[in-house]
Protein backbone atom coordinates (compact mmCIF):
# COMPACT_ATOMS: atom_id res chain seq x y z
CA MET A 1 0.14 0.15 0.00
CA ASP A 2 3.15 1.99 1.03
CA ASP A 3 4.49 1.53 -2.73
CA LEU A 4 1.28 2.22 -4.53
CA ALA A 5 0.98 5.73 -2.29
CA LYS A 6 4.49 6.58 -3.25
CA LEU A 7 3.86 6.08 -7.35
CA ILE A 8 1.13 7.86 -6.88
CA SER A 9 2.76 10.55 -5.27
CA ALA A 10 5.73 10.51 -8.24
CA LEU A 11 3.42 9.98 -10.83
CA ALA A 12 1.65 13.14 -9.77
CA ALA A 13 5.26 15.39 -8.89
CA LEU A 14 5.32 14.37 -12.53
CA ALA A 15 2.21 15.48 -14.03
CA TRP A 16 2.44 19.22 -13.26
CA PRO A 17 5.62 19.63 -15.35
CA ALA A 18 4.31 17.59 -18.07
CA VAL A 19 0.70 19.84 -18.07
CA PHE A 20 3.01 23.13 -17.93
CA ALA A 21 5.20 21.99 -20.97
CA VAL A 22 1.99 21.15 -22.81
CA LEU A 23 1.07 24.79 -22.18
CA LEU A 24 4.01 26.28 -22.69
CA VAL A 25 3.67 24.62 -26.31
CA LYS A 26 0.52 25.57 -26.90
CA LEU A 27 1.00 29.10 -25.65
CA PHE A 28 4.48 29.29 -27.40
CA GLY A 29 2.87 30.93 -30.74
CA PRO A 30 0.63 33.61 -29.20
CA ILE A 31 3.48 34.10 -26.31
CA ARG A 32 6.09 34.95 -29.40
CA ALA A 33 3.67 37.09 -31.40
CA LEU A 34 3.10 39.20 -28.12
CA VAL A 35 6.88 40.03 -27.62
CA GLU A 36 7.51 40.50 -31.11
CA SER A 37 4.56 42.92 -30.86
CA ALA A 38 5.72 44.69 -28.05
CA ARG A 39 9.28 44.96 -29.73
CA GLY A 40 7.56 46.50 -32.65
CA ARG A 41 5.18 48.67 -31.00
CA LYS A 42 2.36 46.66 -32.60
CA PHE A 43 -0.60 46.48 -29.97
CA THR A 44 -3.67 47.89 -30.80
CA ILE A 45 -6.30 49.66 -29.13
CA LYS A 46 -9.93 49.96 -29.81
CA VAL A 47 -11.17 53.36 -30.15
CA ALA A 48 -14.74 54.15 -31.38
CA GLY A 49 -15.14 50.63 -32.65
CA ASN A 50 -11.60 50.90 -34.44
CA GLU A 51 -8.78 49.27 -33.89
CA LEU A 52 -5.80 51.75 -33.81
CA THR A 53 -1.90 50.46 -33.83
CA MET A 54 -0.05 52.88 -30.95
CA GLU A 55 1.55 54.81 -33.76
CA GLU A 56 -1.81 55.85 -35.00
CA ALA A 57 -3.34 56.46 -31.66
CA SER A 58 -0.04 58.67 -30.57
CA GLU A 59 -0.57 60.62 -33.77
CA GLN A 60 -4.23 61.32 -33.37
CA GLN A 61 -3.71 62.44 -30.01
CA ARG A 62 -0.50 64.55 -31.31
CA VAL A 63 -2.62 66.42 -33.98
CA LEU A 64 -5.39 66.97 -31.67
CA LEU A 65 -3.03 68.09 -28.60
CA ALA A 66 -1.02 70.55 -31.52
CA ASP A 67 -4.25 72.13 -32.50
CA LEU A 68 -5.29 72.59 -28.83
CA GLN A 69 -2.15 74.22 -27.91
CA ASN A 70 -2.73 76.75 -31.25
CA LYS A 71 -6.10 77.50 -29.83
CA LEU A 72 -5.05 78.36 -26.49
CA ALA A 73 -2.45 80.21 -28.04
CA GLN A 74 -4.99 82.39 -29.93
CA LEU A 75 -6.86 82.75 -26.81
CA GLU A 76 -4.12 84.23 -24.88
CA LYS A 77 -3.56 86.56 -27.27
CA GLY A 78 -7.15 87.87 -27.28
CA LEU A 79 -7.04 88.31 -23.76
CA ALA A 80 -5.81 91.54 -23.88
CA SER A 81 -9.30 92.81 -25.41
CA PRO A 82 -12.39 92.80 -23.68
CA VAL A 83 -14.45 89.49 -23.76
CA ALA A 84 -18.07 89.25 -24.63
CA VAL A 85 -19.31 86.79 -22.01
CA ALA A 86 -22.72 84.65 -23.17
CA PRO A 87 -25.62 84.46 -20.75
CA ALA A 88 -25.93 80.76 -19.47
CA THR A 89 -27.70 78.38 -21.13
CA GLU A 90 -29.31 75.37 -20.52
CA ALA A 91 -27.28 72.06 -21.09
CA ARG A 92 -27.96 70.41 -24.44
CA PRO A 93 -30.21 67.78 -25.00
CA ARG A 94 -28.91 64.56 -25.42
CA GLY A 95 -29.88 62.24 -28.21
CA LYS A 96 -28.15 63.91 -31.15
CA ARG A 97 -27.44 61.84 -34.32
CA VAL A 98 -24.25 62.70 -36.74
CA LEU A 99 -23.35 61.55 -39.80
CA TRP A 100 -19.52 60.97 -40.71
CA VAL A 101 -19.02 60.62 -44.33
CA ASP A 102 -14.86 59.76 -44.73
CA ASP A 103 -13.40 56.56 -46.51
CA ARG A 104 -10.64 56.26 -43.91
CA PRO A 105 -13.25 56.97 -40.24
CA ARG A 106 -10.30 55.03 -38.26
CA ASN A 107 -8.45 58.40 -38.55
CA ASN A 108 -11.44 60.15 -36.81
CA SER A 109 -11.56 57.65 -33.69
CA PHE A 110 -10.86 59.90 -31.07
CA LEU A 111 -13.12 62.50 -32.19
CA VAL A 112 -15.88 59.92 -32.87
CA ALA A 113 -15.10 58.42 -29.00
CA SER A 114 -15.91 62.06 -27.63
CA LEU A 115 -19.00 62.51 -29.48
CA GLN A 116 -20.07 59.26 -28.28
CA ASP A 117 -19.48 60.29 -24.83
CA ARG A 118 -21.74 63.10 -25.08
CA GLY A 119 -24.31 61.40 -25.85
CA VAL A 120 -24.02 61.61 -29.65
CA GLN A 121 -24.72 58.81 -32.28
CA VAL A 122 -22.43 58.88 -34.85
CA ASP A 123 -22.98 56.78 -37.95
CA ILE A 124 -20.03 56.38 -40.65
CA ALA A 125 -20.47 56.67 -44.32
CA LEU A 126 -17.48 55.71 -47.00
CA SER A 127 -18.57 57.35 -49.79
CA THR A 128 -21.04 60.05 -51.30
CA THR A 129 -23.37 57.43 -51.99
CA GLU A 130 -23.53 55.33 -48.91
CA GLY A 131 -23.72 58.74 -46.85
CA LEU A 132 -27.01 60.00 -49.20
CA GLU A 133 -28.31 56.65 -48.62
CA ALA A 134 -28.07 57.14 -45.45
CA LEU A 135 -29.61 60.76 -45.09
CA LYS A 136 -32.90 59.00 -47.07
CA GLN A 137 -33.06 56.39 -44.43
CA ALA A 138 -32.45 58.21 -41.00
CA ARG A 139 -32.70 61.69 -39.78
CA TYR A 140 -29.66 63.85 -38.74
CA ASP A 141 -28.65 66.71 -36.83
CA ALA A 142 -25.69 67.13 -38.65
CA VAL A 143 -23.53 65.79 -41.63
CA ILE A 144 -19.31 65.75 -41.15
CA SER A 145 -17.39 65.16 -44.61
CA ASP A 146 -13.77 64.65 -45.24
CA MET A 147 -12.65 66.37 -48.84
CA GLY A 148 -10.91 64.27 -50.91
CA ARG A 149 -12.14 60.88 -51.48
CA PRO A 150 -11.47 58.03 -53.96
CA GLU A 151 -14.21 59.26 -55.88
CA GLY A 152 -13.43 62.70 -56.17
CA GLU A 153 -10.55 65.51 -54.69
CA THR A 154 -13.67 67.30 -53.77
CA ALA A 155 -16.13 64.63 -52.91
CA GLY A 156 -16.85 66.65 -49.37
CA ILE A 157 -18.53 69.50 -52.03
CA ASP A 158 -20.04 67.50 -53.95
CA LEU A 159 -21.99 65.77 -50.91
CA ALA A 160 -22.88 69.16 -49.73
CA LEU A 161 -24.33 69.89 -53.04
CA LYS A 162 -26.16 66.87 -53.47
CA MET A 163 -27.52 66.97 -49.83
CA LYS A 164 -29.74 69.85 -51.18
CA THR A 165 -32.15 67.54 -52.99
CA VAL A 166 -32.31 64.65 -50.26
CA ALA A 167 -31.56 66.36 -46.91
CA PRO A 168 -32.03 69.81 -46.80
CA GLY A 169 -31.65 71.54 -44.05
CA VAL A 170 -29.18 69.36 -42.33
CA PRO A 171 -25.63 71.58 -42.01
CA VAL A 172 -22.52 69.98 -43.00
CA PHE A 173 -18.98 69.90 -41.95
CA ILE A 174 -16.00 69.33 -43.70
CA TYR A 175 -13.13 68.39 -41.76
CA CYS A 176 -10.57 67.87 -43.68
CA GLY A 177 -6.10 68.98 -43.88
CA LYS A 178 -5.08 72.23 -44.08
CA TRP A 179 -4.40 72.84 -47.85
CA GLY A 180 -8.03 71.76 -48.45
CA ALA A 181 -9.86 74.29 -46.06
CA THR A 182 -8.17 77.25 -47.39
CA HIS A 183 -7.99 76.82 -50.97
CA LEU A 184 -11.13 75.11 -50.96
CA ARG A 185 -12.93 77.18 -48.58
CA ASP A 186 -14.66 79.61 -51.13
CA ASP A 187 -16.17 76.45 -52.90
CA ALA A 188 -17.04 74.96 -49.87
CA LEU A 189 -19.15 77.55 -48.43
CA ALA A 190 -20.95 78.60 -51.76
CA ALA A 191 -22.03 74.71 -51.78
CA GLY A 192 -23.44 75.67 -48.41
CA VAL A 193 -21.33 73.90 -46.17
CA VAL A 194 -21.35 75.48 -42.61
CA LEU A 195 -17.85 75.38 -41.61
CA ILE A 196 -14.69 73.89 -43.26
CA THR A 197 -11.31 73.39 -41.14
CA SER A 198 -8.55 71.15 -40.31
CA SER A 199 -8.83 72.23 -36.28
CA ALA A 200 -10.54 69.34 -34.45
CA SER A 201 -11.42 71.88 -31.56
CA SER A 202 -12.92 74.30 -34.18
CA LEU A 203 -15.15 71.36 -35.78
CA MET A 204 -16.41 70.36 -32.46
CA ALA A 205 -17.08 73.39 -31.08
CA ALA A 206 -19.14 74.81 -34.13
CA LEU A 207 -21.14 71.47 -34.18
CA PRO A 208 -25.20 72.16 -32.89
CA LEU A 209 -24.90 69.66 -30.54
């Protein structure tokens, strides 16, 4: 009986290393991938439903921070002159809905997440065609569009023009690069765009939400 107990004890002692070895073999691939991912900074995070690499997340944060710093600098310059204080208003109601038309929606992940945190529903369309179809199916408080897409360099302006018959009265905002915001500004405003800007803070402040 003692010999049997010793045998069971010995087998149990050998079992744990065996189990551990099996686990190592099974996990070797994922562990190696994790290590290699860490070395290449290829970790991803999920923002507003989009998987972003650390580089993409860092770049979006850098752009937003630079924009805020620029706005703060402008504010400091304006403090020298009197500033009119707007009367207090009631909190903006929640339940707003925005359509964001952009063929690269992951580039706007942090802004979309910010809107969602404010209780805004954000729907994504990848093209003008998708955007117009969405406008036929639902009611939106605002539409945000980029400027250039594979369908054309002035796709944002084209969308605004076509919206006049599909969804008249819905304000359109174009969020694009500095070149487009500067050189295509007059054409965009003539098409009925409320604001064309490369500044995230200006866009967020102008939205009727």
